[in-house]
Amino acid sequence: RIWNLEKLFNMREGFTKSDDALPPRFSTPLPEGASRNRVAQIDVMLPEYYSLRGWDKEGIPSSKLLKELNIPQ
């Protein structure tokens, strides 16, 4: 529930999909290990993250989800 309240607050304050970003360290290739030279692909991960949260493709919580969580719209 708190994730959705936080998202709604941020949207009210003008945040958009473009503000959903990872810290810079995630865009730096890893120097060693199984994921050596790989970086997080936010453009691939974000749609799945939104879907798992019950948000639309722009990162907006669905009306259905807000009703289920008893969050006024």
N, C-alpha and C. Protein backbone atom coordinates (compact mmCIF):
# COMPACT_ATOMS: atom_id res chain seq x y z
N ARG A 1 0.83 -1.20 0.00
CA ARG A 1 0.00 0.00 0.00
C ARG A 1 0.88 1.26 0.00
N ILE A 2 1.95 1.23 0.78
CA ILE A 2 2.80 2.42 0.89
C ILE A 2 3.46 2.79 -0.44
N TRP A 3 3.83 1.77 -1.24
CA TRP A 3 4.44 2.06 -2.55
C TRP A 3 3.49 2.87 -3.41
N ASN A 4 2.23 2.52 -3.37
CA ASN A 4 1.24 3.21 -4.18
C ASN A 4 0.96 4.62 -3.66
N LEU A 5 0.91 4.78 -2.36
CA LEU A 5 0.73 6.12 -1.79
C LEU A 5 1.92 7.01 -2.14
N GLU A 6 3.11 6.44 -2.05
CA GLU A 6 4.32 7.20 -2.41
C GLU A 6 4.28 7.60 -3.88
N LYS A 7 3.88 6.67 -4.74
CA LYS A 7 3.80 6.95 -6.17
C LYS A 7 2.78 8.05 -6.45
N LEU A 8 1.62 7.98 -5.81
CA LEU A 8 0.59 9.01 -6.00
C LEU A 8 1.07 10.38 -5.52
N PHE A 9 1.78 10.40 -4.39
CA PHE A 9 2.33 11.65 -3.88
C PHE A 9 3.32 12.23 -4.89
N ASN A 10 4.23 11.39 -5.38
CA ASN A 10 5.22 11.86 -6.35
C ASN A 10 4.56 12.36 -7.63
N MET A 11 3.51 11.68 -8.08
CA MET A 11 2.80 12.13 -9.27
C MET A 11 2.17 13.50 -9.03
N ARG A 12 1.59 13.68 -7.85
CA ARG A 12 0.99 14.97 -7.51
C ARG A 12 2.04 16.08 -7.55
N GLU A 13 3.27 15.74 -7.19
CA GLU A 13 4.35 16.71 -7.17
C GLU A 13 5.03 16.89 -8.53
N GLY A 14 4.52 16.22 -9.56
CA GLY A 14 5.01 16.42 -10.91
C GLY A 14 5.96 15.35 -11.44
N PHE A 15 6.19 14.30 -10.68
CA PHE A 15 7.06 13.23 -11.16
C PHE A 15 6.36 12.47 -12.28
N THR A 16 7.14 12.02 -13.26
CA THR A 16 6.62 11.23 -14.37
C THR A 16 7.46 9.98 -14.55
N LYS A 17 7.14 9.21 -15.57
CA LYS A 17 7.89 7.99 -15.89
C LYS A 17 9.38 8.28 -16.04
N SER A 18 9.72 9.42 -16.59
CA SER A 18 11.14 9.76 -16.81
C SER A 18 11.90 9.92 -15.49
N ASP A 19 11.20 10.11 -14.40
CA ASP A 19 11.85 10.23 -13.09
C ASP A 19 12.10 8.87 -12.44
N ASP A 20 11.54 7.82 -13.01
CA ASP A 20 11.76 6.47 -12.49
C ASP A 20 13.07 5.94 -13.06
N ALA A 21 14.14 6.23 -12.37
CA ALA A 21 15.47 5.86 -12.85
C ALA A 21 16.26 5.19 -11.73
N LEU A 22 17.26 4.45 -12.13
CA LEU A 22 18.15 3.81 -11.17
C LEU A 22 19.32 4.73 -10.85
N PRO A 23 19.95 4.54 -9.71
CA PRO A 23 21.15 5.33 -9.39
C PRO A 23 22.24 5.10 -10.44
N PRO A 24 23.13 6.07 -10.64
CA PRO A 24 24.18 5.96 -11.66
C PRO A 24 25.03 4.69 -11.55
N ARG A 25 25.24 4.19 -10.36
CA ARG A 25 26.10 3.00 -10.22
C ARG A 25 25.53 1.79 -10.95
N PHE A 26 24.23 1.79 -11.22
CA PHE A 26 23.62 0.67 -11.95
C PHE A 26 23.85 0.77 -13.45
N SER A 27 24.32 1.92 -13.93
CA SER A 27 24.60 2.06 -15.36
C SER A 27 26.08 1.94 -15.66
N THR A 28 26.85 1.56 -14.65
CA THR A 28 28.28 1.32 -14.80
C THR A 28 28.50 -0.19 -14.88
N PRO A 29 29.19 -0.67 -15.92
CA PRO A 29 29.43 -2.11 -16.03
C PRO A 29 30.17 -2.66 -14.80
N LEU A 30 29.77 -3.84 -14.37
CA LEU A 30 30.43 -4.48 -13.24
C LEU A 30 31.81 -4.97 -13.67
N PRO A 31 32.82 -4.76 -12.84
CA PRO A 31 34.19 -5.11 -13.24
C PRO A 31 34.50 -6.61 -13.16
N GLU A 32 33.73 -7.37 -12.38
CA GLU A 32 34.04 -8.79 -12.21
C GLU A 32 32.79 -9.57 -11.83
N GLY A 33 32.92 -10.87 -11.79
CA GLY A 33 31.81 -11.73 -11.38
C GLY A 33 30.98 -12.21 -12.55
N ALA A 34 29.90 -12.91 -12.24
CA ALA A 34 29.04 -13.51 -13.26
C ALA A 34 28.39 -12.46 -14.17
N SER A 35 28.20 -11.25 -13.66
CA SER A 35 27.58 -10.17 -14.45
C SER A 35 28.61 -9.17 -14.96
N ARG A 36 29.84 -9.61 -15.09
CA ARG A 36 30.93 -8.73 -15.55
C ARG A 36 30.55 -8.05 -16.87
N ASN A 37 30.83 -6.76 -16.93
CA ASN A 37 30.58 -5.92 -18.11
C ASN A 37 29.10 -5.73 -18.46
N ARG A 38 28.22 -6.08 -17.55
CA ARG A 38 26.78 -5.89 -17.79
C ARG A 38 26.28 -4.69 -16.99
N VAL A 39 25.24 -4.07 -17.52
CA VAL A 39 24.59 -2.97 -16.81
C VAL A 39 23.09 -3.26 -16.75
N ALA A 40 22.42 -2.69 -15.79
CA ALA A 40 20.97 -2.85 -15.67
C ALA A 40 20.30 -2.17 -16.85
N GLN A 41 19.36 -2.84 -17.47
CA GLN A 41 18.64 -2.31 -18.63
C GLN A 41 17.27 -1.80 -18.17
N ILE A 42 17.26 -0.56 -17.70
CA ILE A 42 16.04 0.02 -17.12
C ILE A 42 14.88 0.02 -18.11
N ASP A 43 15.18 0.24 -19.39
CA ASP A 43 14.11 0.28 -20.39
C ASP A 43 13.44 -1.08 -20.57
N VAL A 44 14.15 -2.16 -20.24
CA VAL A 44 13.59 -3.50 -20.30
C VAL A 44 12.91 -3.85 -18.98
N MET A 45 13.50 -3.44 -17.88
CA MET A 45 13.01 -3.80 -16.55
C MET A 45 11.77 -3.01 -16.12
N LEU A 46 11.70 -1.74 -16.49
CA LEU A 46 10.64 -0.87 -16.00
C LEU A 46 9.22 -1.34 -16.37
N PRO A 47 8.97 -1.73 -17.62
CA PRO A 47 7.61 -2.21 -17.93
C PRO A 47 7.19 -3.41 -17.08
N GLU A 48 8.12 -4.33 -16.83
CA GLU A 48 7.79 -5.49 -16.00
C GLU A 48 7.54 -5.06 -14.56
N TYR A 49 8.36 -4.14 -14.06
CA TYR A 49 8.19 -3.63 -12.70
C TYR A 49 6.81 -2.99 -12.55
N TYR A 50 6.44 -2.13 -13.51
CA TYR A 50 5.13 -1.48 -13.47
C TYR A 50 4.01 -2.53 -13.46
N SER A 51 4.13 -3.52 -14.32
CA SER A 51 3.11 -4.56 -14.41
C SER A 51 2.97 -5.32 -13.10
N LEU A 52 4.09 -5.69 -12.49
CA LEU A 52 4.06 -6.41 -11.22
C LEU A 52 3.44 -5.57 -10.11
N ARG A 53 3.59 -4.27 -10.18
CA ARG A 53 3.01 -3.38 -9.18
C ARG A 53 1.53 -3.12 -9.42
N GLY A 54 1.04 -3.45 -10.63
CA GLY A 54 -0.36 -3.17 -10.96
C GLY A 54 -0.53 -1.77 -11.51
N TRP A 55 0.53 -1.24 -12.09
CA TRP A 55 0.51 0.10 -12.67
C TRP A 55 0.43 0.00 -14.19
N ASP A 56 0.01 1.08 -14.84
CA ASP A 56 -0.04 1.06 -16.30
C ASP A 56 1.35 1.30 -16.88
N LYS A 57 1.44 1.37 -18.22
CA LYS A 57 2.75 1.48 -18.88
C LYS A 57 3.45 2.81 -18.59
N GLU A 58 2.73 3.78 -18.06
CA GLU A 58 3.33 5.06 -17.68
C GLU A 58 3.69 5.11 -16.20
N GLY A 59 3.43 4.01 -15.50
CA GLY A 59 3.77 3.95 -14.08
C GLY A 59 2.70 4.52 -13.17
N ILE A 60 1.47 4.54 -13.64
CA ILE A 60 0.36 5.08 -12.86
C ILE A 60 -0.46 3.93 -12.27
N PRO A 61 -0.66 3.93 -10.95
CA PRO A 61 -1.46 2.86 -10.34
C PRO A 61 -2.87 2.82 -10.94
N SER A 62 -3.34 1.60 -11.21
CA SER A 62 -4.67 1.45 -11.81
C SER A 62 -5.77 1.78 -10.80
N SER A 63 -6.90 2.19 -11.32
CA SER A 63 -8.06 2.48 -10.47
C SER A 63 -8.47 1.24 -9.69
N LYS A 64 -8.42 0.09 -10.34
CA LYS A 64 -8.78 -1.17 -9.70
C LYS A 64 -7.88 -1.43 -8.49
N LEU A 65 -6.59 -1.23 -8.66
CA LEU A 65 -5.64 -1.46 -7.57
C LEU A 65 -5.91 -0.49 -6.41
N LEU A 66 -6.14 0.76 -6.74
CA LEU A 66 -6.39 1.75 -5.69
C LEU A 66 -7.66 1.41 -4.91
N LYS A 67 -8.68 0.90 -5.61
CA LYS A 67 -9.91 0.47 -4.92
C LYS A 67 -9.62 -0.70 -4.00
N GLU A 68 -8.84 -1.67 -4.49
CA GLU A 68 -8.49 -2.85 -3.68
C GLU A 68 -7.74 -2.45 -2.41
N LEU A 69 -6.92 -1.42 -2.53
CA LEU A 69 -6.11 -0.96 -1.40
C LEU A 69 -6.84 0.08 -0.56
N ASN A 70 -8.07 0.41 -0.96
CA ASN A 70 -8.87 1.41 -0.25
C ASN A 70 -8.16 2.76 -0.18
N ILE A 71 -7.60 3.14 -1.33
CA ILE A 71 -6.93 4.44 -1.46
C ILE A 71 -7.83 5.35 -2.29
N PRO A 72 -8.29 6.46 -1.73
CA PRO A 72 -9.17 7.36 -2.49
C PRO A 72 -8.43 7.96 -3.68
N GLN A 73 -9.18 8.17 -4.76
CA GLN A 73 -8.57 8.71 -5.97
C GLN A 73 -8.79 10.19 -6.09
